[in-house]
């Protein structure tokens, strides 16, 4: 993983269930949410809503967490602690 990626713009694309990131270097990264989310273990299956809300509301944060080992899992675990 390149920690120097510069994410310029990101959006959630519901038609493909993907987060699309423009790195500003003529490169676009596509994060397929179903694939990324499949690595997360949920205490309650409904907790997947945390990840979809994150993808929709903050696609850049979603992408950065998806690139980190256990990033999405840690996010869901933290949301469970808060709620």
N, C-alpha and C. Protein backbone atom coordinates (compact mmCIF):
# COMPACT_ATOMS: atom_id res chain seq x y z
N UNK A 1 0.84 -1.19 0.00
CA UNK A 1 0.00 0.00 0.00
C UNK A 1 0.88 1.24 0.00
N UNK A 2 0.49 2.20 -0.78
CA UNK A 2 1.21 3.45 -0.86
C UNK A 2 0.57 4.45 0.09
N UNK A 3 1.28 4.82 1.14
CA UNK A 3 0.73 5.75 2.13
C UNK A 3 0.74 7.19 1.62
N UNK A 4 1.32 7.41 0.44
CA UNK A 4 1.40 8.75 -0.10
C UNK A 4 0.30 9.05 -1.11
N UNK A 5 -0.71 8.20 -1.18
CA UNK A 5 -1.81 8.47 -2.09
C UNK A 5 -2.50 9.77 -1.70
N UNK A 6 -2.78 10.58 -2.70
CA UNK A 6 -3.43 11.86 -2.46
C UNK A 6 -4.84 11.77 -3.03
N UNK A 7 -5.82 11.56 -2.15
CA UNK A 7 -7.19 11.43 -2.59
C UNK A 7 -7.78 12.81 -2.81
N UNK A 8 -8.08 13.13 -4.08
CA UNK A 8 -8.61 14.45 -4.43
C UNK A 8 -10.13 14.52 -4.29
N UNK A 9 -10.80 13.47 -4.73
CA UNK A 9 -12.25 13.50 -4.79
C UNK A 9 -12.76 12.07 -4.67
N UNK A 10 -13.87 11.91 -3.96
CA UNK A 10 -14.46 10.59 -3.85
C UNK A 10 -15.97 10.66 -3.83
N UNK A 11 -16.59 9.59 -4.32
CA UNK A 11 -18.05 9.53 -4.29
C UNK A 11 -18.50 8.09 -4.19
N UNK A 12 -19.68 7.91 -3.63
CA UNK A 12 -20.31 6.59 -3.58
C UNK A 12 -21.20 6.46 -4.80
N UNK A 13 -21.07 5.36 -5.51
CA UNK A 13 -21.88 5.09 -6.70
C UNK A 13 -22.83 3.95 -6.38
N UNK A 14 -24.12 4.27 -6.08
CA UNK A 14 -25.06 3.23 -5.67
C UNK A 14 -25.33 2.19 -6.75
N UNK A 15 -25.28 2.56 -8.01
CA UNK A 15 -25.59 1.61 -9.08
C UNK A 15 -24.62 0.43 -9.10
N UNK A 16 -23.37 0.69 -8.72
CA UNK A 16 -22.37 -0.38 -8.70
C UNK A 16 -21.96 -0.75 -7.28
N UNK A 17 -22.56 -0.09 -6.28
CA UNK A 17 -22.21 -0.30 -4.88
C UNK A 17 -20.70 -0.16 -4.69
N UNK A 18 -20.17 0.97 -5.20
CA UNK A 18 -18.73 1.20 -5.17
C UNK A 18 -18.41 2.61 -4.69
N UNK A 19 -17.23 2.74 -4.09
CA UNK A 19 -16.67 4.04 -3.79
C UNK A 19 -15.61 4.30 -4.85
N UNK A 20 -15.73 5.44 -5.52
CA UNK A 20 -14.81 5.80 -6.59
C UNK A 20 -13.99 6.99 -6.14
N UNK A 21 -12.67 6.84 -6.21
CA UNK A 21 -11.75 7.87 -5.72
C UNK A 21 -10.87 8.34 -6.86
N UNK A 22 -10.76 9.65 -7.01
CA UNK A 22 -9.82 10.24 -7.96
C UNK A 22 -8.59 10.65 -7.16
N UNK A 23 -7.43 10.11 -7.53
CA UNK A 23 -6.20 10.43 -6.79
C UNK A 23 -5.51 11.68 -7.33
N UNK A 24 -6.05 12.26 -8.40
CA UNK A 24 -5.46 13.47 -8.94
C UNK A 24 -4.24 13.20 -9.80
N UNK A 25 -3.91 11.96 -10.05
CA UNK A 25 -2.74 11.60 -10.85
C UNK A 25 -3.18 10.77 -12.05
N UNK A 26 -4.30 11.16 -12.65
CA UNK A 26 -4.89 10.40 -13.75
C UNK A 26 -5.17 8.95 -13.35
N UNK A 27 -5.44 8.76 -12.08
CA UNK A 27 -5.73 7.43 -11.56
C UNK A 27 -7.03 7.46 -10.78
N UNK A 28 -7.85 6.47 -11.03
CA UNK A 28 -9.09 6.32 -10.27
C UNK A 28 -9.05 4.97 -9.57
N UNK A 29 -9.36 4.97 -8.30
CA UNK A 29 -9.44 3.74 -7.52
C UNK A 29 -10.91 3.41 -7.32
N UNK A 30 -11.25 2.14 -7.45
CA UNK A 30 -12.63 1.70 -7.24
C UNK A 30 -12.63 0.68 -6.12
N UNK A 31 -13.41 0.97 -5.10
CA UNK A 31 -13.58 0.07 -3.95
C UNK A 31 -14.97 -0.54 -4.05
N UNK A 32 -15.05 -1.80 -4.30
CA UNK A 32 -16.34 -2.49 -4.37
C UNK A 32 -16.76 -2.80 -2.94
N UNK A 33 -17.80 -2.12 -2.49
CA UNK A 33 -18.21 -2.19 -1.09
C UNK A 33 -18.55 -3.61 -0.65
N UNK A 34 -19.23 -4.36 -1.49
CA UNK A 34 -19.59 -5.72 -1.10
C UNK A 34 -18.34 -6.55 -0.79
N UNK A 35 -17.31 -6.40 -1.60
CA UNK A 35 -16.07 -7.13 -1.37
C UNK A 35 -15.34 -6.63 -0.12
N UNK A 36 -15.25 -5.32 0.02
CA UNK A 36 -14.57 -4.74 1.19
C UNK A 36 -15.30 -5.11 2.47
N UNK A 37 -16.63 -5.01 2.44
CA UNK A 37 -17.43 -5.27 3.64
C UNK A 37 -17.44 -6.74 4.01
N UNK A 38 -17.16 -7.62 3.05
CA UNK A 38 -17.23 -9.06 3.32
C UNK A 38 -16.15 -9.52 4.30
N UNK A 39 -15.12 -8.71 4.49
CA UNK A 39 -14.06 -9.08 5.43
C UNK A 39 -14.38 -8.67 6.87
N UNK A 40 -15.48 -7.97 7.07
CA UNK A 40 -15.85 -7.47 8.39
C UNK A 40 -16.77 -8.47 9.08
N UNK A 41 -16.50 -8.72 10.35
CA UNK A 41 -17.35 -9.58 11.17
C UNK A 41 -18.27 -8.68 11.99
N UNK A 42 -19.57 -8.89 11.83
CA UNK A 42 -20.56 -8.04 12.50
C UNK A 42 -21.15 -8.76 13.69
N UNK A 43 -21.27 -8.05 14.83
CA UNK A 43 -21.96 -8.60 16.00
C UNK A 43 -23.43 -8.81 15.67
N UNK A 44 -23.99 -7.88 14.93
CA UNK A 44 -25.38 -7.92 14.49
C UNK A 44 -25.35 -7.65 12.99
N UNK A 45 -26.00 -8.48 12.17
CA UNK A 45 -25.97 -8.27 10.72
C UNK A 45 -26.42 -6.87 10.29
N UNK A 46 -27.26 -6.24 11.08
CA UNK A 46 -27.72 -4.89 10.75
C UNK A 46 -26.61 -3.85 10.87
N UNK A 47 -25.51 -4.21 11.53
CA UNK A 47 -24.40 -3.26 11.69
C UNK A 47 -23.74 -2.88 10.36
N UNK A 48 -24.06 -3.59 9.31
CA UNK A 48 -23.50 -3.24 8.00
C UNK A 48 -23.92 -1.83 7.59
N UNK A 49 -25.00 -1.35 8.17
CA UNK A 49 -25.45 0.01 7.86
C UNK A 49 -24.37 1.04 8.19
N UNK A 50 -23.53 0.76 9.19
CA UNK A 50 -22.44 1.70 9.52
C UNK A 50 -21.53 1.90 8.31
N UNK A 51 -21.23 0.82 7.62
CA UNK A 51 -20.32 0.92 6.47
C UNK A 51 -20.97 1.58 5.28
N UNK A 52 -22.26 1.30 5.05
CA UNK A 52 -22.93 1.95 3.93
C UNK A 52 -23.11 3.44 4.18
N UNK A 53 -23.40 3.81 5.41
CA UNK A 53 -23.53 5.23 5.73
C UNK A 53 -22.18 5.92 5.56
N UNK A 54 -21.11 5.26 5.99
CA UNK A 54 -19.77 5.83 5.83
C UNK A 54 -19.44 6.00 4.35
N UNK A 55 -19.72 4.98 3.54
CA UNK A 55 -19.43 5.05 2.10
C UNK A 55 -20.20 6.19 1.44
N UNK A 56 -21.45 6.36 1.82
CA UNK A 56 -22.28 7.41 1.22
C UNK A 56 -21.89 8.80 1.71
N UNK A 57 -21.69 8.94 3.02
CA UNK A 57 -21.46 10.26 3.62
C UNK A 57 -20.00 10.71 3.57
N UNK A 58 -19.08 9.75 3.60
CA UNK A 58 -17.66 10.09 3.65
C UNK A 58 -16.84 9.08 2.85
N UNK A 59 -16.99 9.10 1.52
CA UNK A 59 -16.32 8.09 0.70
C UNK A 59 -14.79 8.10 0.82
N UNK A 60 -14.20 9.27 1.05
CA UNK A 60 -12.74 9.31 1.21
C UNK A 60 -12.30 8.57 2.47
N UNK A 61 -13.04 8.75 3.55
CA UNK A 61 -12.72 8.04 4.79
C UNK A 61 -12.93 6.54 4.61
N UNK A 62 -14.01 6.16 3.94
CA UNK A 62 -14.26 4.74 3.66
C UNK A 62 -13.06 4.14 2.93
N UNK A 63 -12.60 4.81 1.88
CA UNK A 63 -11.49 4.30 1.08
C UNK A 63 -10.22 4.19 1.91
N UNK A 64 -9.93 5.20 2.71
CA UNK A 64 -8.72 5.15 3.54
C UNK A 64 -8.78 4.01 4.54
N UNK A 65 -9.95 3.78 5.13
CA UNK A 65 -10.09 2.67 6.08
C UNK A 65 -10.01 1.32 5.36
N UNK A 66 -10.56 1.25 4.15
CA UNK A 66 -10.51 0.00 3.39
C UNK A 66 -9.08 -0.38 3.03
N UNK A 67 -8.21 0.61 2.89
CA UNK A 67 -6.81 0.34 2.57
C UNK A 67 -5.98 -0.09 3.78
N UNK A 68 -6.49 0.20 4.98
CA UNK A 68 -5.76 -0.18 6.20
C UNK A 68 -6.16 -1.58 6.64
N UNK A 69 -5.19 -2.32 7.12
CA UNK A 69 -5.50 -3.64 7.66
C UNK A 69 -6.45 -3.48 8.84
N UNK A 70 -7.57 -4.15 8.80
CA UNK A 70 -8.61 -4.10 9.83
C UNK A 70 -9.27 -2.72 9.97
N UNK A 71 -9.07 -1.85 9.01
CA UNK A 71 -9.63 -0.49 9.11
C UNK A 71 -11.14 -0.47 9.20
N UNK A 72 -11.81 -1.19 8.32
CA UNK A 72 -13.28 -1.21 8.35
C UNK A 72 -13.79 -1.96 9.57
N UNK A 73 -13.10 -3.03 9.95
CA UNK A 73 -13.49 -3.78 11.16
C UNK A 73 -13.36 -2.89 12.39
N UNK A 74 -12.26 -2.17 12.50
CA UNK A 74 -12.06 -1.28 13.64
C UNK A 74 -13.13 -0.19 13.67
N UNK A 75 -13.54 0.30 12.51
CA UNK A 75 -14.58 1.33 12.44
C UNK A 75 -15.91 0.78 12.97
N UNK A 76 -16.28 -0.40 12.50
CA UNK A 76 -17.55 -1.01 12.95
C UNK A 76 -17.49 -1.29 14.46
N UNK A 77 -16.37 -1.80 14.93
CA UNK A 77 -16.23 -2.07 16.36
C UNK A 77 -16.37 -0.79 17.17
N UNK A 78 -15.77 0.30 16.68
CA UNK A 78 -15.86 1.59 17.38
C UNK A 78 -17.29 2.10 17.38
N UNK A 79 -18.00 1.95 16.27
CA UNK A 79 -19.38 2.40 16.21
C UNK A 79 -20.25 1.59 17.18
N UNK A 80 -19.96 0.31 17.32
CA UNK A 80 -20.70 -0.51 18.28
C UNK A 80 -20.44 -0.05 19.72
N UNK A 81 -19.23 0.35 20.00
CA UNK A 81 -18.90 0.86 21.34
C UNK A 81 -19.66 2.13 21.64
N UNK A 82 -19.80 2.99 20.62
CA UNK A 82 -20.48 4.28 20.81
C UNK A 82 -21.98 4.13 20.94
N UNK A 83 -22.53 3.10 20.33
CA UNK A 83 -24.00 2.94 20.31
C UNK A 83 -24.49 1.86 21.20
